[in-house]
Amino acid sequence: MAEDENTPEHAENVGLFYLRRIDARLDSIERKLDEAVMRLAAVERDVAAMRVRLNNLDSRVARIEGRVDLQREIARLAAELEA
């Protein structure tokens, strides 16, 4: 005898079927979210490393600019002495 589609047993099977599908989809979404979180963490680390490098470059440029200004001042004083 074929199972009637309106019986509670059939409804339970359909419900379990869709719950399993939802569970599988949630697992997939969770994996993708975990991957996105890991990738974001890597980007954050890279940005932090770049900030450190930029800060170091900024201080180096400031020292170079100071030397250039000093050289200009020396050249100006040398020109005054020659005059």
Protein backbone atom coordinates (compact mmCIF):
# COMPACT_ATOMS: atom_id res chain seq x y z
CA MET A 1 0.00 0.00 0.00
CA ALA A 2 1.47 3.38 -1.04
CA GLU A 3 1.99 5.99 1.63
CA ASP A 4 -0.53 8.84 1.40
CA GLU A 5 1.20 12.24 0.97
CA ASN A 6 -1.02 13.82 3.61
CA THR A 7 -0.07 11.44 6.39
CA PRO A 8 2.02 12.78 9.29
CA GLU A 9 4.81 10.35 8.43
CA HIS A 10 5.20 11.87 5.00
CA ALA A 11 5.12 15.41 6.37
CA GLU A 12 7.80 14.47 8.89
CA ASN A 13 10.01 13.05 6.14
CA VAL A 14 9.57 16.18 4.03
CA GLY A 15 10.33 18.33 7.06
CA LEU A 16 13.48 16.34 7.83
CA PHE A 17 14.50 16.52 4.19
CA TYR A 18 14.30 20.32 4.18
CA LEU A 19 15.95 20.61 7.59
CA ARG A 20 18.89 18.57 6.27
CA ARG A 21 19.13 20.83 3.22
CA ILE A 22 19.06 23.91 5.44
CA ASP A 23 21.71 22.38 7.68
CA ALA A 24 23.94 21.63 4.68
CA ARG A 25 23.52 25.20 3.38
CA LEU A 26 24.34 26.62 6.81
CA ASP A 27 27.49 24.47 6.95
CA SER A 28 28.52 25.84 3.56
CA ILE A 29 27.87 29.41 4.67
CA GLU A 30 29.81 28.83 7.87
CA ARG A 31 32.82 27.51 5.94
CA LYS A 32 32.74 30.52 3.61
CA LEU A 33 32.47 32.89 6.56
CA ASP A 34 35.42 31.22 8.30
CA GLU A 35 37.45 31.60 5.10
CA ALA A 36 36.46 35.26 4.79
CA VAL A 37 37.45 35.90 8.42
CA MET A 38 40.85 34.28 7.87
CA ARG A 39 41.43 36.30 4.71
CA LEU A 40 40.40 39.52 6.46
CA ALA A 41 42.82 38.77 9.29
CA ALA A 42 45.61 38.31 6.73
CA VAL A 43 44.73 41.65 5.12
CA GLU A 44 44.75 43.35 8.53
CA ARG A 45 48.21 41.92 9.27
CA ASP A 46 49.47 43.12 5.89
CA VAL A 47 48.07 46.61 6.44
CA ALA A 48 49.68 46.76 9.90
CA ALA A 49 53.03 45.73 8.41
CA MET A 50 52.69 48.39 5.70
CA ARG A 51 51.96 51.03 8.32
CA VAL A 52 55.15 50.14 10.17
CA ARG A 53 57.13 50.34 6.93
CA LEU A 54 55.56 53.68 6.02
CA ASN A 55 56.38 55.07 9.47
CA ASN A 56 59.99 53.94 9.04
CA LEU A 57 60.13 55.51 5.59
CA ASP A 58 58.63 58.71 6.93
CA SER A 59 61.38 59.05 9.54
CA ARG A 60 64.04 58.25 6.94
CA VAL A 61 62.67 60.89 4.57
CA ALA A 62 62.65 63.44 7.41
CA ARG A 63 66.34 62.69 8.10
CA ILE A 64 67.16 63.04 4.39
CA GLU A 65 65.28 66.31 4.17
CA GLY A 66 67.20 67.54 7.22
CA ARG A 67 70.50 66.67 5.52
CA VAL A 68 69.44 68.42 2.31
CA ASP A 69 68.51 71.53 4.29
CA LEU A 70 71.85 71.37 6.10
CA GLN A 71 73.71 71.03 2.80
CA ARG A 72 71.83 74.04 1.42
CA GLU A 73 72.73 76.05 4.51
CA ILE A 74 76.40 75.03 4.18
CA ALA A 75 76.36 76.00 0.50
CA ARG A 76 74.80 79.38 1.35
CA LEU A 77 77.39 80.06 4.06
CA ALA A 78 80.22 79.02 1.73
CA ALA A 79 78.90 81.41 -0.92
CA GLU A 80 78.78 84.26 1.66
CA LEU A 81 82.36 83.54 2.70
CA GLU A 82 83.57 83.62 -0.90
CA ALA A 83 81.83 86.90 -1.55
